[in-house]
Amino acid sequence: MWEEFAKIGKLAWEQGLFSSHGGNMSVRVGEKIYITRRGSMLGCISEEDVIETVIDGVDSNISLASTEIVVHREIYKRTSALAIFHAHPPLATALSMICDEIILEDSEGSYILKKVPVVSASKTVGSKEVANIIPEYLKEFKVVMLKGHGSFSTGMMLEEAFSYTSTLEHSCKIMFYKLSIGKKNMKKCEW
């Protein structure tokens, strides 16, 4: 299983979806969660970086799990997700600081995600407040942005959850380029 974590972590790192020690991901198997280790480098995950713990209760591995474990547990308890990908995509995070929702206009983004809600919390990292808010949005949306912090996306497989965050950031880049060009009604691309 850790090989899948390593593959997705490397792809996400190459896409610039988090800093060297940022982000986390997990997979649910029955009543167990496999989650990245606290402070692991997702771009180069080893077998020791994937921690097995339980959805409910405390076990000896809980202290090794990502600080976002409380959020992952609640998402699994309150949604049908079997995988979670949490990242800090730069453009989507920047937009989350000025928008209440991110409406995706490009063909792929609008087809796959349509829009991404932005939610706020007073404490954004691994808090019970975030754990209470995020699952409700993930019942309806494939990905949600935590204002100024990052994205949480879910899927039936880790690759699917990753793909939603990847699509979000790619669409935000297209939006940024569009806004940078600045001519709304340009008919010819003449410079």
Foldseek 3Di string as FASTA:
>chain_A
DVVVQQVLLLVCVVVVQAPQQDWKKWFDDPQKIWIAFARHGSNGDDPVRTFIDGLDDDDPCPNGHHLQSLLVSLLVVQAVFGMKTKTRQPLVQVVLQPDQKAAFDDDVCCVQFRIAGEAEDPDDTNDVVNSVPPNVVQNPGQWHHHHNGTIMGGDNDHVVRSVNRVSVSVSSVVVVVVVVVPDPPDPDPDD
